[in-house]
Amino acid sequence: MKLIKRSRVRRRTQYYHRFSFATDPLRGFSFDARSDGRPVLHSREAAALYRRCVSGSVDGREVVDQGVSSYELEIHEPAVGRCDDCGGPVRLDRWTNICPRCGAGYDERGDALQERVI
């Protein structure tokens, strides 16, 4: 098997804007945000809820703006190899990887698996 793409780990910072209930700071709402703090709202419902949070009240309960925070993500992108039998791409993300086109098997390094006789 010839490797088409080597595996790698990408790091990305994810931001979110958090609001908590004044009477219960461990409960509340969070919204995806850009690095500058602007919200990323994925639906009309999320936008409406965000506006209520910014106003300071959700369903009659006071909410407190906790600001924008971040966390780091590590995303593993598996190696991809070209199948020796049919030339199709095979993701090498498991101990045993099967070509989706022809069913040939490979280990996590891209070495062909031996046929098993049962």
PDB file of N, CA and C in Angstrom:
ATOM      1  N   MET A   1       0.854  -1.180   0.000  1.00  0.00           N
ATOM      2  CA  MET A   1       0.000   0.000   0.000  1.00  0.00           C
ATOM      3  C   MET A   1       0.891   1.232   0.000  1.00  0.00           C
ATOM      4  N   LYS A   2       0.515   2.182  -0.850  1.00  0.00           N
ATOM      5  CA  LYS A   2       1.208   3.464  -0.887  1.00  0.00           C
ATOM      6  C   LYS A   2       0.372   4.488  -0.122  1.00  0.00           C
ATOM      7  N   LEU A   3       1.037   5.241   0.762  1.00  0.00           N
ATOM      8  CA  LEU A   3       0.322   6.269   1.506  1.00  0.00           C
ATOM      9  C   LEU A   3       0.012   7.455   0.602  1.00  0.00           C
ATOM     10  N   ILE A   4      -1.251   7.893   0.648  1.00  0.00           N
ATOM     11  CA  ILE A   4      -1.693   9.081  -0.086  1.00  0.00           C
ATOM     12  C   ILE A   4      -1.565  10.297   0.820  1.00  0.00           C
ATOM     13  N   LYS A   5      -1.883  10.098   2.099  1.00  0.00           N
ATOM     14  CA  LYS A   5      -1.871  11.196   3.072  1.00  0.00           C
ATOM     15  C   LYS A   5      -1.408  10.657   4.413  1.00  0.00           C
ATOM     16  N   ARG A   6      -0.460  11.320   5.014  1.00  0.00           N
ATOM     17  CA  ARG A   6       0.030  10.924   6.338  1.00  0.00           C
ATOM     18  C   ARG A   6      -0.971  11.368   7.414  1.00  0.00           C
ATOM     19  N   SER A   7      -0.954  10.661   8.537  1.00  0.00           N
ATOM     20  CA  SER A   7      -1.815  11.074   9.650  1.00  0.00           C
ATOM     21  C   SER A   7      -1.223  12.336  10.279  1.00  0.00           C
ATOM     22  N   ARG A   8      -2.106  13.122  10.892  1.00  0.00           N
ATOM     23  CA  ARG A   8      -1.642  14.326  11.579  1.00  0.00           C
ATOM     24  C   ARG A   8      -2.642  14.724  12.647  1.00  0.00           C
ATOM     25  N   VAL A   9      -2.174  15.553  13.556  1.00  0.00           N
ATOM     26  CA  VAL A   9      -3.030  16.100  14.604  1.00  0.00           C
ATOM     27  C   VAL A   9      -3.110  17.600  14.373  1.00  0.00           C
ATOM     28  N   ARG A  10      -4.332  18.097  14.233  1.00  0.00           N
ATOM     29  CA  ARG A  10      -4.563  19.538  14.090  1.00  0.00           C
ATOM     30  C   ARG A  10      -5.061  20.074  15.417  1.00  0.00           C
ATOM     31  N   ARG A  11      -4.629  21.252  15.742  1.00  0.00           N
ATOM     32  CA  ARG A  11      -5.094  21.910  16.962  1.00  0.00           C
ATOM     33  C   ARG A  11      -5.900  23.137  16.563  1.00  0.00           C
ATOM     34  N   ARG A  12      -7.008  23.317  17.271  1.00  0.00           N
ATOM     35  CA  ARG A  12      -7.885  24.451  16.973  1.00  0.00           C
ATOM     36  C   ARG A  12      -8.466  24.982  18.276  1.00  0.00           C
ATOM     37  N   THR A  13      -8.582  26.283  18.350  1.00  0.00           N
ATOM     38  CA  THR A  13      -9.196  26.914  19.512  1.00  0.00           C
ATOM     39  C   THR A  13     -10.676  27.139  19.217  1.00  0.00           C
ATOM     40  N   GLN A  14     -11.518  26.683  20.128  1.00  0.00           N
ATOM     41  CA  GLN A  14     -12.973  26.848  20.001  1.00  0.00           C
ATOM     42  C   GLN A  14     -13.424  27.863  21.045  1.00  0.00           C
ATOM     43  N   TYR A  15     -14.235  28.825  20.629  1.00  0.00           N
ATOM     44  CA  TYR A  15     -14.718  29.865  21.533  1.00  0.00           C
ATOM     45  C   TYR A  15     -16.216  29.696  21.786  1.00  0.00           C
ATOM     46  N   TYR A  16     -16.654  30.105  22.962  1.00  0.00           N
ATOM     47  CA  TYR A  16     -18.082  30.071  23.286  1.00  0.00           C
ATOM     48  C   TYR A  16     -18.416  31.198  24.254  1.00  0.00           C
ATOM     49  N   HIS A  17     -19.645  31.685  24.164  1.00  0.00           N
ATOM     50  CA  HIS A  17     -20.149  32.757  25.035  1.00  0.00           C
ATOM     51  C   HIS A  17     -21.111  32.101  26.008  1.00  0.00           C
ATOM     52  N   ARG A  18     -20.847  32.272  27.300  1.00  0.00           N
ATOM     53  CA  ARG A  18     -21.618  31.567  28.316  1.00  0.00           C
ATOM     54  C   ARG A  18     -22.445  32.532  29.155  1.00  0.00           C
ATOM     55  N   PHE A  19     -23.664  32.086  29.459  1.00  0.00           N
ATOM     56  CA  PHE A  19     -24.573  32.792  30.365  1.00  0.00           C
ATOM     57  C   PHE A  19     -25.015  31.792  31.417  1.00  0.00           C
ATOM     58  N   SER A  20     -25.131  32.242  32.670  1.00  0.00           N
ATOM     59  CA  SER A  20     -25.611  31.342  33.721  1.00  0.00           C
ATOM     60  C   SER A  20     -26.781  31.995  34.447  1.00  0.00           C
ATOM     61  N   PHE A  21     -27.574  31.154  35.085  1.00  0.00           N
ATOM     62  CA  PHE A  21     -28.667  31.680  35.893  1.00  0.00           C
ATOM     63  C   PHE A  21     -28.080  32.319  37.149  1.00  0.00           C
ATOM     64  N   ALA A  22     -28.619  33.465  37.552  1.00  0.00           N
ATOM     65  CA  ALA A  22     -28.109  34.173  38.729  1.00  0.00           C
ATOM     66  C   ALA A  22     -28.247  33.324  39.987  1.00  0.00           C
ATOM     67  N   THR A  23     -29.326  32.558  40.082  1.00  0.00           N
ATOM     68  CA  THR A  23     -29.570  31.749  41.277  1.00  0.00           C
ATOM     69  C   THR A  23     -28.903  30.382  41.223  1.00  0.00           C
ATOM     70  N   ASP A  24     -28.385  29.998  40.048  1.00  0.00           N
ATOM     71  CA  ASP A  24     -27.736  28.691  39.891  1.00  0.00           C
ATOM     72  C   ASP A  24     -26.624  28.821  38.847  1.00  0.00           C
ATOM     73  N   PRO A  25     -25.439  29.270  39.269  1.00  0.00           N
ATOM     74  CA  PRO A  25     -24.366  29.563  38.319  1.00  0.00           C
ATOM     75  C   PRO A  25     -23.847  28.365  37.535  1.00  0.00           C
ATOM     76  N   LEU A  26     -24.179  27.143  37.963  1.00  0.00           N
ATOM     77  CA  LEU A  26     -23.714  25.965  37.231  1.00  0.00           C
ATOM     78  C   LEU A  26     -24.639  25.600  36.068  1.00  0.00           C
ATOM     79  N   ARG A  27     -25.767  26.284  35.966  1.00  0.00           N
ATOM     80  CA  ARG A  27     -26.716  26.029  34.883  1.00  0.00           C
ATOM     81  C   ARG A  27     -26.864  27.278  34.031  1.00  0.00           C
ATOM     82  N   GLY A  28     -27.137  27.061  32.754  1.00  0.00           N
ATOM     83  CA  GLY A  28     -27.333  28.209  31.882  1.00  0.00           C
ATOM     84  C   GLY A  28     -27.236  27.831  30.423  1.00  0.00           C
ATOM     85  N   PHE A  29     -26.624  28.699  29.639  1.00  0.00           N
ATOM     86  CA  PHE A  29     -26.596  28.554  28.186  1.00  0.00           C
ATOM     87  C   PHE A  29     -25.208  28.905  27.667  1.00  0.00           C
ATOM     88  N   SER A  30     -24.817  28.272  26.578  1.00  0.00           N
ATOM     89  CA  SER A  30     -23.582  28.681  25.910  1.00  0.00           C
ATOM     90  C   SER A  30     -23.827  28.647  24.411  1.00  0.00           C
ATOM     91  N   PHE A  31     -23.141  29.544  23.721  1.00  0.00           N
ATOM     92  CA  PHE A  31     -23.299  29.700  22.276  1.00  0.00           C
ATOM     93  C   PHE A  31     -21.921  29.719  21.633  1.00  0.00           C
ATOM     94  N   ASP A  32     -21.774  29.050  20.505  1.00  0.00           N
ATOM     95  CA  ASP A  32     -20.518  29.130  19.769  1.00  0.00           C
ATOM     96  C   ASP A  32     -20.222  30.584  19.458  1.00  0.00           C
ATOM     97  N   ALA A  33     -18.932  30.925  19.447  1.00  0.00           N
ATOM     98  CA  ALA A  33     -18.544  32.308  19.183  1.00  0.00           C
ATOM     99  C   ALA A  33     -17.270  32.341  18.338  1.00  0.00           C
ATOM    100  N   ARG A  34     -17.049  33.477  17.701  1.00  0.00           N
ATOM    101  CA  ARG A  34     -15.804  33.714  16.984  1.00  0.00           C
ATOM    102  C   ARG A  34     -14.761  34.214  17.985  1.00  0.00           C
ATOM    103  N   SER A  35     -13.515  34.290  17.564  1.00  0.00           N
ATOM    104  CA  SER A  35     -12.446  34.715  18.470  1.00  0.00           C
ATOM    105  C   SER A  35     -12.656  36.140  18.975  1.00  0.00           C
ATOM    106  N   ASP A  36     -13.390  36.963  18.215  1.00  0.00           N
ATOM    107  CA  ASP A  36     -13.652  38.332  18.663  1.00  0.00           C
ATOM    108  C   ASP A  36     -14.887  38.426  19.565  1.00  0.00           C
ATOM    109  N   GLY A  37     -15.519  37.279  19.864  1.00  0.00           N
ATOM    110  CA  GLY A  37     -16.662  37.247  20.763  1.00  0.00           C
ATOM    111  C   GLY A  37     -18.017  37.298  20.091  1.00  0.00           C
ATOM    112  N   ARG A  38     -18.056  37.587  18.778  1.00  0.00           N
ATOM    113  CA  ARG A  38     -19.355  37.614  18.087  1.00  0.00           C
ATOM    114  C   ARG A  38     -19.941  36.208  18.060  1.00  0.00           C
ATOM    115  N   PRO A  39     -21.244  36.086  18.333  1.00  0.00           N
ATOM    116  CA  PRO A  39     -21.847  34.751  18.380  1.00  0.00           C
ATOM    117  C   PRO A  39     -21.984  34.126  16.996  1.00  0.00           C
ATOM    118  N   VAL A  40     -21.920  32.797  16.976  1.00  0.00           N
ATOM    119  CA  VAL A  40     -22.210  32.011  15.776  1.00  0.00           C
ATOM    120  C   VAL A  40     -23.513  31.284  16.094  1.00  0.00           C
ATOM    121  N   LEU A  41     -24.606  31.765  15.534  1.00  0.00           N
ATOM    122  CA  LEU A  41     -25.933  31.236  15.861  1.00  0.00           C
ATOM    123  C   LEU A  41     -26.420  30.377  14.705  1.00  0.00           C
ATOM    124  N   HIS A  42     -26.705  29.118  14.989  1.00  0.00           N
ATOM    125  CA  HIS A  42     -26.995  28.132  13.952  1.00  0.00           C
ATOM    126  C   HIS A  42     -28.467  28.019  13.577  1.00  0.00           C
ATOM    127  N   SER A  43     -29.325  28.733  14.273  1.00  0.00           N
ATOM    128  CA  SER A  43     -30.755  28.655  13.962  1.00  0.00           C
ATOM    129  C   SER A  43     -31.455  29.914  14.463  1.00  0.00           C
ATOM    130  N   ARG A  44     -32.680  30.098  14.012  1.00  0.00           N
ATOM    131  CA  ARG A  44     -33.484  31.220  14.502  1.00  0.00           C
ATOM    132  C   ARG A  44     -33.762  31.087  15.994  1.00  0.00           C
ATOM    133  N   GLU A  45     -33.989  29.848  16.423  1.00  0.00           N
ATOM    134  CA  GLU A  45     -34.273  29.613  17.835  1.00  0.00           C
ATOM    135  C   GLU A  45     -33.071  29.990  18.693  1.00  0.00           C
ATOM    136  N   ALA A  46     -31.865  29.635  18.229  1.00  0.00           N
ATOM    137  CA  ALA A  46     -30.646  29.990  18.967  1.00  0.00           C
ATOM    138  C   ALA A  46     -30.481  31.505  19.018  1.00  0.00           C
ATOM    139  N   ALA A  47     -30.768  32.180  17.905  1.00  0.00           N
ATOM    140  CA  ALA A  47     -30.655  33.643  17.866  1.00  0.00           C
ATOM    141  C   ALA A  47     -31.639  34.285  18.848  1.00  0.00           C
ATOM    142  N   ALA A  48     -32.859  33.761  18.909  1.00  0.00           N
ATOM    143  CA  ALA A  48     -33.866  34.303  19.831  1.00  0.00           C
ATOM    144  C   ALA A  48     -33.442  34.079  21.282  1.00  0.00           C
ATOM    145  N   LEU A  49     -32.935  32.898  21.589  1.00  0.00           N
ATOM    146  CA  LEU A  49     -32.484  32.611  22.946  1.00  0.00           C
ATOM    147  C   LEU A  49     -31.274  33.483  23.308  1.00  0.00           C
ATOM    148  N   TYR A  50     -30.371  33.668  22.371  1.00  0.00           N
ATOM    149  CA  TYR A  50     -29.210  34.529  22.617  1.00  0.00           C
ATOM    150  C   TYR A  50     -29.656  35.956  22.965  1.00  0.00           C
ATOM    151  N   ARG A  51     -30.614  36.481  22.201  1.00  0.00           N
ATOM    152  CA  ARG A  51     -31.123  37.838  22.486  1.00  0.00           C
ATOM    153  C   ARG A  51     -31.727  37.917  23.890  1.00  0.00           C
ATOM    154  N   ARG A  52     -32.447  36.863  24.298  1.00  0.00           N
ATOM    155  CA  ARG A  52     -33.023  36.859  25.649  1.00  0.00           C
ATOM    156  C   ARG A  52     -31.919  36.820  26.709  1.00  0.00           C
ATOM    157  N   CYS A  53     -30.868  36.040  26.452  1.00  0.00           N
ATOM    158  CA  CYS A  53     -29.751  35.987  27.402  1.00  0.00           C
ATOM    159  C   CYS A  53     -29.075  37.356  27.522  1.00  0.00           C
ATOM    160  N   VAL A  54     -28.837  37.994  26.389  1.00  0.00           N
ATOM    161  CA  VAL A  54     -28.199  39.314  26.395  1.00  0.00           C
ATOM    162  C   VAL A  54     -29.072  40.323  27.141  1.00  0.00           C
ATOM    163  N   SER A  55     -30.395  40.166  27.054  1.00  0.00           N
ATOM    164  CA  SER A  55     -31.301  41.095  27.753  1.00  0.00           C
ATOM    165  C   SER A  55     -31.244  40.901  29.261  1.00  0.00           C
ATOM    166  N   GLY A  56     -30.723  39.745  29.717  1.00  0.00           N
ATOM    167  CA  GLY A  56     -30.591  39.508  31.156  1.00  0.00           C
ATOM    168  C   GLY A  56     -31.681  38.668  31.779  1.00  0.00           C
ATOM    169  N   SER A  57     -32.633  38.175  30.951  1.00  0.00           N
ATOM    170  CA  SER A  57     -33.730  37.393  31.515  1.00  0.00           C
ATOM    171  C   SER A  57     -34.191  36.331  30.520  1.00  0.00           C
ATOM    172  N   VAL A  58     -34.326  35.116  31.007  1.00  0.00           N
ATOM    173  CA  VAL A  58     -34.857  34.015  30.194  1.00  0.00           C
ATOM    174  C   VAL A  58     -35.983  33.374  30.984  1.00  0.00           C
ATOM    175  N   ASP A  59     -37.178  33.404  30.423  1.00  0.00           N
ATOM    176  CA  ASP A  59     -38.360  32.827  31.067  1.00  0.00           C
ATOM    177  C   ASP A  59     -38.543  33.345  32.492  1.00  0.00           C
ATOM    178  N   GLY A  60     -38.321  34.637  32.675  1.00  0.00           N
ATOM    179  CA  GLY A  60     -38.519  35.258  33.973  1.00  0.00           C
ATOM    180  C   GLY A  60     -37.391  35.034  34.965  1.00  0.00           C
ATOM    181  N   ARG A  61     -36.340  34.343  34.569  1.00  0.00           N
ATOM    182  CA  ARG A  61     -35.202  34.095  35.462  1.00  0.00           C
ATOM    183  C   ARG A  61     -34.029  34.964  35.022  1.00  0.00           C
ATOM    184  N   GLU A  62     -33.375  35.587  35.981  1.00  0.00           N
ATOM    185  CA  GLU A  62     -32.228  36.437  35.675  1.00  0.00           C
ATOM    186  C   GLU A  62     -31.039  35.591  35.225  1.00  0.00           C
ATOM    187  N   VAL A  63     -30.390  36.016  34.118  1.00  0.00           N
ATOM    188  CA  VAL A  63     -29.172  35.352  33.645  1.00  0.00           C
ATOM    189  C   VAL A  63     -28.019  36.343  33.696  1.00  0.00           C
ATOM    190  N   VAL A  64     -26.834  35.813  33.954  1.00  0.00           N
ATOM    191  CA  VAL A  64     -25.624  36.614  34.088  1.00  0.00           C
ATOM    192  C   VAL A  64     -24.680  36.271  32.940  1.00  0.00           C
ATOM    193  N   ASP A  65     -24.146  37.294  32.287  1.00  0.00           N
ATOM    194  CA  ASP A  65     -23.197  37.117  31.193  1.00  0.00           C
ATOM    195  C   ASP A  65     -21.840  36.731  31.778  1.00  0.00           C
ATOM    196  N   GLN A  66     -21.383  35.528  31.478  1.00  0.00           N
ATOM    197  CA  GLN A  66     -20.093  35.035  31.969  1.00  0.00           C
ATOM    198  C   GLN A  66     -18.951  35.335  31.000  1.00  0.00           C
ATOM    199  N   GLY A  67     -19.270  35.931  29.855  1.00  0.00           N
ATOM    200  CA  GLY A  67     -18.237  36.310  28.896  1.00  0.00           C
ATOM    201  C   GLY A  67     -17.882  35.194  27.926  1.00  0.00           C
ATOM    202  N   VAL A  68     -16.857  35.443  27.143  1.00  0.00           N
ATOM    203  CA  VAL A  68     -16.399  34.494  26.125  1.00  0.00           C
ATOM    204  C   VAL A  68     -15.207  33.724  26.673  1.00  0.00           C
ATOM    205  N   SER A  69     -15.250  32.423  26.546  1.00  0.00           N
ATOM    206  CA  SER A  69     -14.163  31.538  26.980  1.00  0.00           C
ATOM    207  C   SER A  69     -13.720  30.697  25.793  1.00  0.00           C
ATOM    208  N   SER A  70     -12.648  29.962  25.990  1.00  0.00           N
ATOM    209  CA  SER A  70     -12.156  29.111  24.900  1.00  0.00           C
ATOM    210  C   SER A  70     -11.634  27.794  25.457  1.00  0.00           C
ATOM    211  N   TYR A  71     -11.476  26.842  24.572  1.00  0.00           N
ATOM    212  CA  TYR A  71     -10.823  25.570  24.883  1.00  0.00           C
ATOM    213  C   TYR A  71     -10.121  25.086  23.624  1.00  0.00           C
ATOM    214  N   GLU A  72      -9.148  24.223  23.807  1.00  0.00           N
ATOM    215  CA  GLU A  72      -8.358  23.715  22.693  1.00  0.00           C
ATOM    216  C   GLU A  72      -8.887  22.350  22.261  1.00  0.00           C
ATOM    217  N   LEU A  73      -8.998  22.170  20.961  1.00  0.00           N
ATOM    218  CA  LEU A  73      -9.394  20.888  20.392  1.00  0.00           C
ATOM    219  C   LEU A  73      -8.179  20.266  19.705  1.00  0.00           C
ATOM    220  N   GLU A  74      -8.023  18.971  19.837  1.00  0.00           N
ATOM    221  CA  GLU A  74      -7.036  18.240  19.058  1.00  0.00           C
ATOM    222  C   GLU A  74      -7.811  17.277  18.178  1.00  0.00           C
ATOM    223  N   ILE A  75      -7.618  17.412  16.881  1.00  0.00           N
ATOM    224  CA  ILE A  75      -8.351  16.610  15.916  1.00  0.00           C
ATOM    225  C   ILE A  75      -7.371  15.701  15.194  1.00  0.00           C
ATOM    226  N   HIS A  76      -7.560  14.403  15.344  1.00  0.00           N
ATOM    227  CA  HIS A  76      -6.684  13.439  14.677  1.00  0.00           C
ATOM    228  C   HIS A  76      -7.230  13.138  13.288  1.00  0.00           C
ATOM    229  N   GLU A  77      -6.418  13.361  12.275  1.00  0.00           N
ATOM    230  CA  GLU A  77      -6.780  13.016  10.902  1.00  0.00           C
ATOM    231  C   GLU A  77      -5.979  11.783  10.520  1.00  0.00           C
ATOM    232  N   PRO A  78      -6.644  10.660  10.260  1.00  0.00           N
ATOM    233  CA  PRO A  78      -5.922   9.414   9.992  1.00  0.00           C
ATOM    234  C   PRO A  78      -5.215   9.435   8.636  1.00  0.00           C
ATOM    235  N   ALA A  79      -4.215   8.575   8.531  1.00  0.00           N
ATOM    236  CA  ALA A  79      -3.538   8.389   7.249  1.00  0.00           C
ATOM    237  C   ALA A  79      -4.509   7.749   6.260  1.00  0.00           C
ATOM    238  N   VAL A  80      -4.245   7.963   4.973  1.00  0.00           N
ATOM    239  CA  VAL A  80      -5.035   7.345   3.909  1.00  0.00           C
ATOM    240  C   VAL A  80      -4.051   6.698   2.947  1.00  0.00           C
ATOM    241  N   GLY A  81      -4.329   5.442   2.597  1.00  0.00           N
ATOM    242  CA  GLY A  81      -3.474   4.725   1.658  1.00  0.00           C
ATOM    243  C   GLY A  81      -4.250   4.305   0.425  1.00  0.00           C
ATOM    244  N   ARG A  82      -3.506   3.918  -0.622  1.00  0.00           N
ATOM    245  CA  ARG A  82      -4.116   3.444  -1.861  1.00  0.00           C
ATOM    246  C   ARG A  82      -4.089   1.919  -1.839  1.00  0.00           C
ATOM    247  N   CYS A  83      -5.255   1.298  -1.994  1.00  0.00           N
ATOM    248  CA  CYS A  83      -5.402  -0.157  -1.957  1.00  0.00           C
ATOM    249  C   CYS A  83      -4.547  -0.802  -3.052  1.00  0.00           C
ATOM    250  N   ASP A  84      -3.792  -1.843  -2.670  1.00  0.00           N
ATOM    251  CA  ASP A  84      -2.960  -2.569  -3.636  1.00  0.00           C
ATOM    252  C   ASP A  84      -3.798  -3.312  -4.676  1.00  0.00           C
ATOM    253  N   ASP A  85      -5.002  -3.754  -4.292  1.00  0.00           N
ATOM    254  CA  ASP A  85      -5.816  -4.571  -5.189  1.00  0.00           C
ATOM    255  C   ASP A  85      -6.619  -3.749  -6.198  1.00  0.00           C
ATOM    256  N   CYS A  86      -7.276  -2.685  -5.742  1.00  0.00           N
ATOM    257  CA  CYS A  86      -8.175  -1.962  -6.646  1.00  0.00           C
ATOM    258  C   CYS A  86      -7.806  -0.483  -6.827  1.00  0.00           C
ATOM    259  N   GLY A  87      -6.871   0.013  -6.042  1.00  0.00           N
ATOM    260  CA  GLY A  87      -6.467   1.413  -6.164  1.00  0.00           C
ATOM    261  C   GLY A  87      -7.339   2.402  -5.419  1.00  0.00           C
ATOM    262  N   GLY A  88      -8.337   1.919  -4.701  1.00  0.00           N
ATOM    263  CA  GLY A  88      -9.231   2.804  -3.959  1.00  0.00           C
ATOM    264  C   GLY A  88      -8.584   3.336  -2.691  1.00  0.00           C
ATOM    265  N   PRO A  89      -9.086   4.447  -2.176  1.00  0.00           N
ATOM    266  CA  PRO A  89      -8.539   5.003  -0.932  1.00  0.00           C
ATOM    267  C   PRO A  89      -9.019   4.214   0.283  1.00  0.00           C
ATOM    268  N   VAL A  90      -8.115   4.010   1.251  1.00  0.00           N
ATOM    269  CA  VAL A  90      -8.439   3.289   2.485  1.00  0.00           C
ATOM    270  C   VAL A  90      -7.989   4.147   3.667  1.00  0.00           C
ATOM    271  N   ARG A  91      -8.939   4.512   4.521  1.00  0.00           N
ATOM    272  CA  ARG A  91      -8.599   5.257   5.751  1.00  0.00           C
ATOM    273  C   ARG A  91      -7.955   4.288   6.737  1.00  0.00           C
ATOM    274  N   LEU A  92      -6.817   4.680   7.277  1.00  0.00           N
ATOM    275  CA  LEU A  92      -6.090   3.834   8.228  1.00  0.00           C
ATOM    276  C   LEU A  92      -6.307   4.371   9.639  1.00  0.00           C
ATOM    277  N   ASP A  93      -7.530   4.202  10.133  1.00  0.00           N
ATOM    278  CA  ASP A  93      -7.878   4.747  11.442  1.00  0.00           C
ATOM    279  C   ASP A  93      -8.213   3.686  12.480  1.00  0.00           C
ATOM    280  N   ARG A  94      -7.995   2.423  12.147  1.00  0.00           N
ATOM    281  CA  ARG A  94      -8.294   1.326  13.085  1.00  0.00           C
ATOM    282  C   ARG A  94      -7.179   0.283  12.993  1.00  0.00           C
ATOM    283  N   TRP A  95      -7.240  -0.696  13.882  1.00  0.00           N
ATOM    284  CA  TRP A  95      -6.254  -1.781  13.810  1.00  0.00           C
ATOM    285  C   TRP A  95      -6.456  -2.583  12.539  1.00  0.00           C
ATOM    286  N   THR A  96      -7.716  -2.781  12.166  1.00  0.00           N
ATOM    287  CA  THR A  96      -8.050  -3.485  10.925  1.00  0.00           C
ATOM    288  C   THR A  96      -8.862  -2.531  10.068  1.00  0.00           C
ATOM    289  N   ASN A  97      -8.385  -2.289   8.840  1.00  0.00           N
ATOM    290  CA  ASN A  97      -9.018  -1.332   7.932  1.00  0.00           C
ATOM    291  C   ASN A  97      -9.369  -2.056   6.640  1.00  0.00           C
ATOM    292  N   ILE A  98     -10.593  -1.903   6.208  1.00  0.00           N
ATOM    293  CA  ILE A  98     -11.088  -2.621   5.042  1.00  0.00           C
ATOM    294  C   ILE A  98     -11.314  -1.638   3.899  1.00  0.00           C
ATOM    295  N   CYS A  99     -10.841  -2.000   2.706  1.00  0.00           N
ATOM    296  CA  CYS A  99     -11.069  -1.168   1.530  1.00  0.00           C
ATOM    297  C   CYS A  99     -12.566  -1.172   1.214  1.00  0.00           C
ATOM    298  N   PRO A 100     -13.189   0.006   1.113  1.00  0.00           N
ATOM    299  CA  PRO A 100     -14.631   0.045   0.850  1.00  0.00           C
ATOM    300  C   PRO A 100     -15.002  -0.434  -0.547  1.00  0.00           C
ATOM    301  N   ARG A 101     -14.048  -0.450  -1.478  1.00  0.00           N
ATOM    302  CA  ARG A 101     -14.342  -0.894  -2.851  1.00  0.00           C
ATOM    303  C   ARG A 101     -14.258  -2.404  -3.019  1.00  0.00           C
ATOM    304  N   CYS A 102     -13.163  -3.003  -2.510  1.00  0.00           N
ATOM    305  CA  CYS A 102     -12.950  -4.425  -2.820  1.00  0.00           C
ATOM    306  C   CYS A 102     -12.887  -5.331  -1.595  1.00  0.00           C
ATOM    307  N   GLY A 103     -12.817  -4.758  -0.399  1.00  0.00           N
ATOM    308  CA  GLY A 103     -12.810  -5.569   0.814  1.00  0.00           C
ATOM    309  C   GLY A 103     -11.436  -6.027   1.276  1.00  0.00           C
ATOM    310  N   ALA A 104     -10.357  -5.600   0.619  1.00  0.00           N
ATOM    311  CA  ALA A 104      -9.007  -5.979   1.062  1.00  0.00           C
ATOM    312  C   ALA A 104      -8.760  -5.377   2.439  1.00  0.00           C
ATOM    313  N   GLY A 105      -7.993  -6.114   3.270  1.00  0.00           N
ATOM    314  CA  GLY A 105      -7.747  -5.664   4.630  1.00  0.00           C
ATOM    315  C   GLY A 105      -6.324  -5.196   4.847  1.00  0.00           C
ATOM    316  N   TYR A 106      -6.190  -4.168   5.697  1.00  0.00           N
ATOM    317  CA  TYR A 106      -4.884  -3.601   6.025  1.00  0.00           C
ATOM    318  C   TYR A 106      -4.841  -3.282   7.507  1.00  0.00           C
ATOM    319  N   ASP A 107      -3.634  -3.325   8.088  1.00  0.00           N
ATOM    320  CA  ASP A 107      -3.497  -2.921   9.483  1.00  0.00           C
ATOM    321  C   ASP A 107      -3.323  -1.406   9.562  1.00  0.00           C
ATOM    322  N   GLU A 108      -3.091  -0.891  10.790  1.00  0.00           N
ATOM    323  CA  GLU A 108      -3.023   0.558  10.984  1.00  0.00           C
ATOM    324  C   GLU A 108      -1.818   1.203  10.305  1.00  0.00           C
ATOM    325  N   ARG A 109      -0.804   0.398   9.935  1.00  0.00           N
ATOM    326  CA  ARG A 109       0.375   0.931   9.227  1.00  0.00           C
ATOM    327  C   ARG A 109       0.222   0.845   7.714  1.00  0.00           C
ATOM    328  N   GLY A 110      -0.818   0.155   7.248  1.00  0.00           N
ATOM    329  CA  GLY A 110      -1.015  -0.007   5.817  1.00  0.00           C
ATOM    330  C   GLY A 110      -0.484  -1.318   5.266  1.00  0.00           C
ATOM    331  N   ASP A 111      -0.062  -2.220   6.155  1.00  0.00           N
ATOM    332  CA  ASP A 111       0.408  -3.537   5.708  1.00  0.00           C
ATOM    333  C   ASP A 111      -0.792  -4.429   5.444  1.00  0.00           C
ATOM    334  N   ALA A 112      -0.730  -5.191   4.346  1.00  0.00           N
ATOM    335  CA  ALA A 112      -1.833  -6.076   3.978  1.00  0.00           C
ATOM    336  C   ALA A 112      -2.013  -7.145   5.043  1.00  0.00           C
ATOM    337  N   LEU A 113      -3.273  -7.443   5.363  1.00  0.00           N
ATOM    338  CA  LEU A 113      -3.576  -8.508   6.307  1.00  0.00           C
ATOM    339  C   LEU A 113      -3.533  -9.851   5.589  1.00  0.00           C
ATOM    340  N   GLN A 114      -3.071 -10.873   6.298  1.00  0.00           N
ATOM    341  CA  GLN A 114      -3.051 -12.217   5.742  1.00  0.00           C
ATOM    342  C   GLN A 114      -4.467 -12.772   5.728  1.00  0.00           C
ATOM    343  N   GLU A 115      -4.792 -13.553   4.717  1.00  0.00           N
ATOM    344  CA  GLU A 115      -6.109 -14.191   4.697  1.00  0.00           C
ATOM    345  C   GLU A 115      -6.200 -15.191   5.824  1.00  0.00           C
ATOM    346  N   ARG A 116      -7.367 -15.198   6.454  1.00  0.00           N
ATOM    347  CA  ARG A 116      -7.579 -16.130   7.552  1.00  0.00           C
ATOM    348  C   ARG A 116      -8.363 -17.329   7.052  1.00  0.00           C
ATOM    349  N   VAL A 117      -7.893 -18.503   7.388  1.00  0.00           N
ATOM    350  CA  VAL A 117      -8.592 -19.732   7.017  1.00  0.00           C
ATOM    351  C   VAL A 117      -9.240 -20.265   8.281  1.00  0.00           C
ATOM    352  N   ILE A 118     -10.552 -20.434   8.188  1.00  0.00           N
ATOM    353  CA  ILE A 118     -11.299 -20.908   9.363  1.00  0.00           C
ATOM    354  C   ILE A 118     -11.807 -22.303   9.119  1.00  0.00           C
TER     355      ILE A 118
END
